[in-house]
Amino acid sequence: MNFTFSSAPSINLQGHPDIVGEIENRRIKLEVEAAVGRSRKRIINKEDIEAINPSNENEKGYFAVLDGGLPPEWFLVEYQRLKWRIFESLSIITLRSLRDKDFSSKCTEQFFNLGLNTKKLHSLTFSILRARALKGEEA
């Protein structure tokens, strides 16, 4: 899977899903969270699951979690693997085992490239990255 969005993704500051974009002619819906510090478990709620539920064959939905441990790593879990786990408390280890390995690896790689290729770490705030993505700029 080529990781680059075909067009500028839609990024929501509030509401669900957090990100909607197109990769390789397939619509992708992402619900994004971060697991940092002591919050090593995620509770998957009904709104998260409904937000990533594919509405047709040409759509995929993922629950994306950035594990803030060392080293940081993205875990993207496809809707089909989570749809029966509403309100279940899932550990990072469980999310890691459920992840789409290829897509998660590509997201992690892009995450590191983004961090390594910027001269100013403060330019990686959500607001700035969102504005750049909506303009179609490279990260």
N, C-alpha and C. Protein backbone atom coordinates (compact mmCIF):
# COMPACT_ATOMS: atom_id res chain seq x y z
N MET A 1 0.84 -1.18 0.00
CA MET A 1 0.00 0.00 0.00
C MET A 1 0.88 1.24 0.00
N ASN A 2 0.67 2.11 -0.98
CA ASN A 2 1.36 3.38 -1.01
C ASN A 2 0.74 4.25 0.08
N PHE A 3 1.56 4.78 0.95
CA PHE A 3 1.05 5.47 2.13
C PHE A 3 0.55 6.89 1.85
N THR A 4 0.93 7.50 0.77
CA THR A 4 0.58 8.88 0.51
C THR A 4 -0.90 9.04 0.20
N PHE A 5 -1.54 10.02 0.85
CA PHE A 5 -2.94 10.31 0.54
C PHE A 5 -3.02 10.83 -0.89
N SER A 6 -4.04 10.37 -1.64
CA SER A 6 -4.23 10.80 -3.02
C SER A 6 -4.62 12.26 -3.10
N SER A 7 -5.29 12.75 -2.10
CA SER A 7 -5.68 14.15 -2.03
C SER A 7 -5.56 14.59 -0.57
N ALA A 8 -5.69 15.87 -0.34
CA ALA A 8 -5.59 16.36 1.04
C ALA A 8 -6.68 15.70 1.88
N PRO A 9 -6.30 15.11 3.01
CA PRO A 9 -7.31 14.46 3.85
C PRO A 9 -8.18 15.48 4.58
N SER A 10 -9.35 15.04 4.97
CA SER A 10 -10.23 15.83 5.82
C SER A 10 -9.84 15.53 7.26
N ILE A 11 -9.51 16.56 8.02
CA ILE A 11 -9.07 16.37 9.41
C ILE A 11 -10.01 17.14 10.31
N ASN A 12 -10.66 16.43 11.23
CA ASN A 12 -11.62 17.04 12.15
C ASN A 12 -10.96 17.40 13.47
N LEU A 13 -11.20 18.62 13.94
CA LEU A 13 -10.73 19.00 15.27
C LEU A 13 -11.58 18.34 16.34
N GLN A 14 -12.86 18.15 16.03
CA GLN A 14 -13.79 17.49 16.95
C GLN A 14 -14.69 16.59 16.12
N GLY A 15 -15.24 15.58 16.77
CA GLY A 15 -16.15 14.68 16.08
C GLY A 15 -15.45 13.45 15.55
N HIS A 16 -16.21 12.65 14.85
CA HIS A 16 -15.71 11.37 14.34
C HIS A 16 -15.99 11.26 12.86
N PRO A 17 -15.19 10.58 12.09
CA PRO A 17 -13.83 10.14 12.41
C PRO A 17 -12.86 11.33 12.41
N ASP A 18 -11.68 11.11 12.96
CA ASP A 18 -10.70 12.19 13.05
C ASP A 18 -10.13 12.57 11.69
N ILE A 19 -9.86 11.57 10.85
CA ILE A 19 -9.26 11.80 9.54
C ILE A 19 -9.97 10.94 8.50
N VAL A 20 -10.25 11.54 7.36
CA VAL A 20 -10.79 10.80 6.22
C VAL A 20 -9.95 11.19 5.02
N GLY A 21 -9.44 10.20 4.31
CA GLY A 21 -8.63 10.47 3.13
C GLY A 21 -8.76 9.34 2.14
N GLU A 22 -7.97 9.42 1.08
CA GLU A 22 -7.98 8.39 0.06
C GLU A 22 -6.56 7.92 -0.17
N ILE A 23 -6.39 6.60 -0.12
CA ILE A 23 -5.09 5.98 -0.39
C ILE A 23 -5.33 4.88 -1.41
N GLU A 24 -4.61 4.97 -2.54
CA GLU A 24 -4.75 3.98 -3.61
C GLU A 24 -6.20 3.74 -4.00
N ASN A 25 -6.93 4.82 -4.26
CA ASN A 25 -8.33 4.77 -4.70
C ASN A 25 -9.26 4.11 -3.69
N ARG A 26 -8.88 4.08 -2.45
CA ARG A 26 -9.73 3.53 -1.40
C ARG A 26 -9.88 4.58 -0.31
N ARG A 27 -11.12 4.81 0.10
CA ARG A 27 -11.39 5.78 1.17
C ARG A 27 -10.98 5.17 2.51
N ILE A 28 -10.25 5.95 3.30
CA ILE A 28 -9.74 5.50 4.59
C ILE A 28 -10.28 6.42 5.67
N LYS A 29 -10.88 5.82 6.72
CA LYS A 29 -11.37 6.59 7.87
C LYS A 29 -10.51 6.19 9.08
N LEU A 30 -10.01 7.19 9.79
CA LEU A 30 -9.14 6.94 10.94
C LEU A 30 -9.70 7.62 12.19
N GLU A 31 -9.74 6.87 13.26
CA GLU A 31 -10.02 7.42 14.59
C GLU A 31 -8.68 7.33 15.32
N VAL A 32 -8.13 8.45 15.77
CA VAL A 32 -6.76 8.51 16.25
C VAL A 32 -6.70 8.82 17.75
N GLU A 33 -5.83 8.08 18.45
CA GLU A 33 -5.58 8.33 19.87
C GLU A 33 -4.10 8.14 20.16
N ALA A 34 -3.67 8.63 21.30
CA ALA A 34 -2.29 8.44 21.74
C ALA A 34 -2.30 7.77 23.10
N ALA A 35 -1.38 6.84 23.27
CA ALA A 35 -1.21 6.16 24.57
C ALA A 35 0.14 6.60 25.12
N VAL A 36 0.10 7.50 26.09
CA VAL A 36 1.33 8.02 26.68
C VAL A 36 1.27 7.89 28.19
N GLY A 37 2.43 7.91 28.78
CA GLY A 37 2.50 7.85 30.24
C GLY A 37 1.85 6.60 30.79
N ARG A 38 1.00 6.79 31.77
CA ARG A 38 0.37 5.64 32.44
C ARG A 38 -0.88 5.14 31.73
N SER A 39 -1.37 5.88 30.77
CA SER A 39 -2.61 5.48 30.09
C SER A 39 -2.30 4.43 29.01
N ARG A 40 -1.97 3.24 29.44
CA ARG A 40 -1.54 2.18 28.53
C ARG A 40 -2.71 1.33 28.04
N LYS A 41 -3.92 1.63 28.47
CA LYS A 41 -5.10 0.90 27.99
C LYS A 41 -6.01 1.86 27.26
N ARG A 42 -6.70 1.35 26.28
CA ARG A 42 -7.65 2.15 25.51
C ARG A 42 -9.01 1.52 25.65
N ILE A 43 -10.02 2.32 25.83
CA ILE A 43 -11.39 1.82 25.84
C ILE A 43 -12.01 2.21 24.51
N ILE A 44 -12.44 1.21 23.77
CA ILE A 44 -13.04 1.44 22.47
C ILE A 44 -14.53 1.69 22.69
N ASN A 45 -14.99 2.90 22.38
CA ASN A 45 -16.41 3.18 22.61
C ASN A 45 -17.20 3.05 21.31
N LYS A 46 -18.49 3.10 21.45
CA LYS A 46 -19.39 2.90 20.32
C LYS A 46 -19.16 3.93 19.21
N GLU A 47 -18.92 5.19 19.60
CA GLU A 47 -18.70 6.25 18.62
C GLU A 47 -17.44 5.99 17.80
N ASP A 48 -16.38 5.48 18.46
CA ASP A 48 -15.14 5.15 17.75
C ASP A 48 -15.39 4.09 16.69
N ILE A 49 -16.11 3.04 17.08
CA ILE A 49 -16.38 1.93 16.16
C ILE A 49 -17.29 2.40 15.01
N GLU A 50 -18.33 3.12 15.33
CA GLU A 50 -19.25 3.60 14.29
C GLU A 50 -18.53 4.53 13.31
N ALA A 51 -17.59 5.32 13.80
CA ALA A 51 -16.88 6.28 12.96
C ALA A 51 -16.01 5.61 11.90
N ILE A 52 -15.50 4.43 12.21
CA ILE A 52 -14.60 3.76 11.26
C ILE A 52 -15.28 2.61 10.52
N ASN A 53 -16.57 2.46 10.72
CA ASN A 53 -17.32 1.40 10.04
C ASN A 53 -17.38 1.71 8.54
N PRO A 54 -16.80 0.83 7.70
CA PRO A 54 -16.86 1.08 6.26
C PRO A 54 -18.30 1.07 5.76
N SER A 55 -18.63 2.03 4.91
CA SER A 55 -19.99 2.10 4.38
C SER A 55 -20.13 1.39 3.04
N ASN A 56 -19.00 0.98 2.45
CA ASN A 56 -19.03 0.22 1.19
C ASN A 56 -17.73 -0.56 1.02
N GLU A 57 -17.63 -1.32 -0.06
CA GLU A 57 -16.46 -2.17 -0.31
C GLU A 57 -15.18 -1.38 -0.56
N ASN A 58 -15.33 -0.13 -1.01
CA ASN A 58 -14.17 0.67 -1.36
C ASN A 58 -13.69 1.54 -0.20
N GLU A 59 -14.07 1.17 1.01
CA GLU A 59 -13.74 1.96 2.19
C GLU A 59 -13.16 1.06 3.27
N LYS A 60 -12.19 1.60 4.02
CA LYS A 60 -11.63 0.89 5.17
C LYS A 60 -11.60 1.83 6.35
N GLY A 61 -11.78 1.28 7.53
CA GLY A 61 -11.72 2.07 8.75
C GLY A 61 -10.69 1.50 9.70
N TYR A 62 -9.98 2.39 10.37
CA TYR A 62 -8.93 1.99 11.31
C TYR A 62 -9.02 2.78 12.60
N PHE A 63 -8.75 2.11 13.70
CA PHE A 63 -8.52 2.74 14.99
C PHE A 63 -7.00 2.85 15.10
N ALA A 64 -6.48 4.08 15.12
CA ALA A 64 -5.03 4.31 15.10
C ALA A 64 -4.58 4.81 16.47
N VAL A 65 -3.61 4.11 17.03
CA VAL A 65 -3.08 4.49 18.34
C VAL A 65 -1.57 4.71 18.23
N LEU A 66 -1.13 5.88 18.67
CA LEU A 66 0.30 6.14 18.76
C LEU A 66 0.76 5.71 20.15
N ASP A 67 1.57 4.67 20.19
CA ASP A 67 2.16 4.21 21.45
C ASP A 67 3.35 5.10 21.75
N GLY A 68 3.25 5.90 22.80
CA GLY A 68 4.30 6.85 23.15
C GLY A 68 5.45 6.26 23.92
N GLY A 69 5.54 4.92 23.97
CA GLY A 69 6.67 4.28 24.64
C GLY A 69 7.93 4.46 23.82
N LEU A 70 8.98 3.79 24.23
CA LEU A 70 10.24 3.86 23.50
C LEU A 70 10.52 2.53 22.82
N PRO A 71 10.66 2.52 21.53
CA PRO A 71 10.45 3.64 20.62
C PRO A 71 8.97 3.85 20.34
N PRO A 72 8.59 5.06 19.95
CA PRO A 72 7.18 5.31 19.59
C PRO A 72 6.79 4.43 18.40
N GLU A 73 5.53 4.04 18.37
CA GLU A 73 5.07 3.15 17.29
C GLU A 73 3.58 3.34 17.08
N TRP A 74 3.16 3.31 15.82
CA TRP A 74 1.74 3.39 15.48
C TRP A 74 1.16 2.00 15.37
N PHE A 75 -0.05 1.83 15.91
CA PHE A 75 -0.82 0.59 15.75
C PHE A 75 -2.13 0.96 15.08
N LEU A 76 -2.36 0.46 13.88
CA LEU A 76 -3.61 0.70 13.16
C LEU A 76 -4.38 -0.60 13.10
N VAL A 77 -5.54 -0.60 13.74
CA VAL A 77 -6.36 -1.81 13.84
C VAL A 77 -7.60 -1.60 12.99
N GLU A 78 -7.81 -2.53 12.06
CA GLU A 78 -8.94 -2.43 11.14
C GLU A 78 -10.27 -2.67 11.85
N TYR A 79 -11.29 -2.03 11.35
CA TYR A 79 -12.64 -2.11 11.90
C TYR A 79 -13.08 -3.54 12.17
N GLN A 80 -12.88 -4.44 11.22
CA GLN A 80 -13.33 -5.83 11.35
C GLN A 80 -12.76 -6.52 12.60
N ARG A 81 -11.58 -6.11 13.03
CA ARG A 81 -10.95 -6.71 14.21
C ARG A 81 -11.44 -6.11 15.52
N LEU A 82 -12.14 -4.97 15.43
CA LEU A 82 -12.59 -4.28 16.64
C LEU A 82 -14.11 -4.24 16.82
N LYS A 83 -14.87 -4.54 15.80
CA LYS A 83 -16.31 -4.28 15.84
C LYS A 83 -17.05 -4.96 16.99
N TRP A 84 -16.51 -6.02 17.53
CA TRP A 84 -17.17 -6.71 18.65
C TRP A 84 -16.56 -6.35 19.99
N ARG A 85 -15.68 -5.36 20.04
CA ARG A 85 -14.97 -5.02 21.27
C ARG A 85 -15.39 -3.67 21.86
N ILE A 86 -16.63 -3.28 21.62
CA ILE A 86 -17.13 -2.00 22.13
C ILE A 86 -17.10 -2.00 23.66
N PHE A 87 -16.60 -0.92 24.20
CA PHE A 87 -16.47 -0.70 25.65
C PHE A 87 -15.51 -1.68 26.33
N GLU A 88 -14.70 -2.33 25.55
CA GLU A 88 -13.70 -3.23 26.11
C GLU A 88 -12.42 -2.45 26.36
N SER A 89 -11.77 -2.71 27.48
CA SER A 89 -10.50 -2.08 27.79
C SER A 89 -9.39 -2.92 27.16
N LEU A 90 -8.70 -2.33 26.18
CA LEU A 90 -7.67 -3.06 25.45
C LEU A 90 -6.29 -2.53 25.79
N SER A 91 -5.40 -3.42 26.13
CA SER A 91 -4.03 -3.02 26.44
C SER A 91 -3.29 -2.72 25.14
N ILE A 92 -2.19 -2.01 25.27
CA ILE A 92 -1.35 -1.72 24.10
C ILE A 92 -0.87 -3.02 23.48
N ILE A 93 -0.58 -4.02 24.29
CA ILE A 93 -0.12 -5.32 23.78
C ILE A 93 -1.21 -5.96 22.91
N THR A 94 -2.46 -5.87 23.35
CA THR A 94 -3.57 -6.42 22.57
C THR A 94 -3.73 -5.65 21.26
N LEU A 95 -3.69 -4.33 21.32
CA LEU A 95 -3.80 -3.53 20.10
C LEU A 95 -2.66 -3.84 19.14
N ARG A 96 -1.48 -4.05 19.69
CA ARG A 96 -0.33 -4.40 18.85
C ARG A 96 -0.57 -5.73 18.14
N SER A 97 -1.13 -6.69 18.84
CA SER A 97 -1.38 -8.01 18.23
C SER A 97 -2.50 -7.96 17.19
N LEU A 98 -3.43 -7.00 17.31
CA LEU A 98 -4.54 -6.88 16.37
C LEU A 98 -4.22 -6.01 15.16
N ARG A 99 -3.11 -5.31 15.20
CA ARG A 99 -2.80 -4.29 14.20
C ARG A 99 -2.62 -4.86 12.79
N ASP A 100 -2.82 -4.00 11.81
CA ASP A 100 -2.44 -4.27 10.43
C ASP A 100 -0.95 -3.98 10.38
N LYS A 101 -0.13 -5.03 10.33
CA LYS A 101 1.32 -4.86 10.47
C LYS A 101 1.92 -3.97 9.40
N ASP A 102 1.52 -4.16 8.15
CA ASP A 102 2.10 -3.39 7.06
C ASP A 102 1.74 -1.91 7.17
N PHE A 103 0.47 -1.62 7.31
CA PHE A 103 0.02 -0.23 7.40
C PHE A 103 0.59 0.45 8.65
N SER A 104 0.63 -0.26 9.77
CA SER A 104 1.19 0.29 11.01
C SER A 104 2.67 0.62 10.84
N SER A 105 3.41 -0.27 10.19
CA SER A 105 4.84 -0.03 9.95
C SER A 105 5.06 1.19 9.08
N LYS A 106 4.23 1.34 8.05
CA LYS A 106 4.37 2.49 7.16
C LYS A 106 4.04 3.79 7.88
N CYS A 107 3.05 3.76 8.75
CA CYS A 107 2.71 4.96 9.53
C CYS A 107 3.83 5.31 10.49
N THR A 108 4.41 4.31 11.13
CA THR A 108 5.53 4.53 12.05
C THR A 108 6.72 5.10 11.30
N GLU A 109 7.01 4.56 10.13
CA GLU A 109 8.12 5.05 9.31
C GLU A 109 7.90 6.51 8.93
N GLN A 110 6.68 6.85 8.49
CA GLN A 110 6.38 8.23 8.13
C GLN A 110 6.50 9.15 9.35
N PHE A 111 6.08 8.67 10.50
CA PHE A 111 6.17 9.42 11.74
C PHE A 111 7.62 9.78 12.04
N PHE A 112 8.53 8.80 11.91
CA PHE A 112 9.94 9.06 12.16
C PHE A 112 10.53 9.98 11.09
N ASN A 113 10.15 9.79 9.84
CA ASN A 113 10.63 10.67 8.77
C ASN A 113 10.21 12.11 9.01
N LEU A 114 8.98 12.29 9.47
CA LEU A 114 8.47 13.62 9.76
C LEU A 114 9.30 14.28 10.86
N GLY A 115 9.59 13.53 11.90
CA GLY A 115 10.38 14.06 13.01
C GLY A 115 11.83 14.33 12.63
N LEU A 116 12.40 13.47 11.80
CA LEU A 116 13.80 13.61 11.41
C LEU A 116 14.01 14.70 10.36
N ASN A 117 12.98 14.97 9.56
CA ASN A 117 13.13 15.92 8.46
C ASN A 117 12.66 17.32 8.78
N THR A 118 12.39 17.59 10.03
CA THR A 118 12.00 18.95 10.39
C THR A 118 13.10 19.56 11.25
N LYS A 119 13.35 20.82 11.01
CA LYS A 119 14.40 21.51 11.77
C LYS A 119 13.85 22.10 13.06
N LYS A 120 12.53 22.25 13.11
CA LYS A 120 11.92 22.86 14.28
C LYS A 120 10.83 21.92 14.80
N LEU A 121 11.11 21.27 15.90
CA LEU A 121 10.17 20.31 16.47
C LEU A 121 8.83 20.96 16.80
N HIS A 122 8.84 22.24 17.17
CA HIS A 122 7.58 22.92 17.50
C HIS A 122 6.66 23.05 16.29
N SER A 123 7.19 22.81 15.08
CA SER A 123 6.35 22.91 13.88
C SER A 123 5.52 21.64 13.66
N LEU A 124 5.59 20.71 14.61
CA LEU A 124 4.83 19.46 14.49
C LEU A 124 3.56 19.48 15.34
N THR A 125 3.06 20.65 15.70
CA THR A 125 1.82 20.70 16.47
C THR A 125 0.64 20.28 15.59
N PHE A 126 -0.41 19.82 16.22
CA PHE A 126 -1.59 19.37 15.48
C PHE A 126 -2.13 20.46 14.58
N SER A 127 -2.26 21.66 15.10
CA SER A 127 -2.83 22.77 14.32
C SER A 127 -2.00 23.07 13.07
N ILE A 128 -0.70 23.11 13.21
CA ILE A 128 0.17 23.40 12.06
C ILE A 128 0.13 22.25 11.06
N LEU A 129 0.23 21.02 11.54
CA LEU A 129 0.19 19.87 10.63
C LEU A 129 -1.16 19.76 9.93
N ARG A 130 -2.24 20.07 10.64
CA ARG A 130 -3.57 20.04 10.04
C ARG A 130 -3.67 21.06 8.92
N ALA A 131 -3.23 22.27 9.17
CA ALA A 131 -3.28 23.33 8.16
C ALA A 131 -2.46 22.94 6.94
N ARG A 132 -1.29 22.38 7.15
CA ARG A 132 -0.43 21.96 6.02
C ARG A 132 -1.08 20.84 5.24
N ALA A 133 -1.70 19.89 5.94
CA ALA A 133 -2.35 18.77 5.26
C ALA A 133 -3.53 19.25 4.43
N LEU A 134 -4.31 20.18 4.97
CA LEU A 134 -5.47 20.69 4.25
C LEU A 134 -5.07 21.49 3.01
N LYS A 135 -3.86 22.07 3.04
CA LYS A 135 -3.34 22.78 1.87
C LYS A 135 -2.71 21.81 0.87
N GLY A 136 -2.57 20.53 1.27
CA GLY A 136 -1.96 19.55 0.39
C GLY A 136 -0.44 19.57 0.42
N GLU A 137 0.14 20.22 1.43
CA GLU A 137 1.60 20.30 1.55
C GLU A 137 2.17 19.00 2.08
N GLU A 138 3.40 18.72 1.72
CA GLU A 138 4.12 17.56 2.25
C GLU A 138 4.44 17.82 3.72
N ALA A 139 4.50 16.74 4.50
CA ALA A 139 4.82 16.87 5.92
C ALA A 139 6.28 17.20 6.11
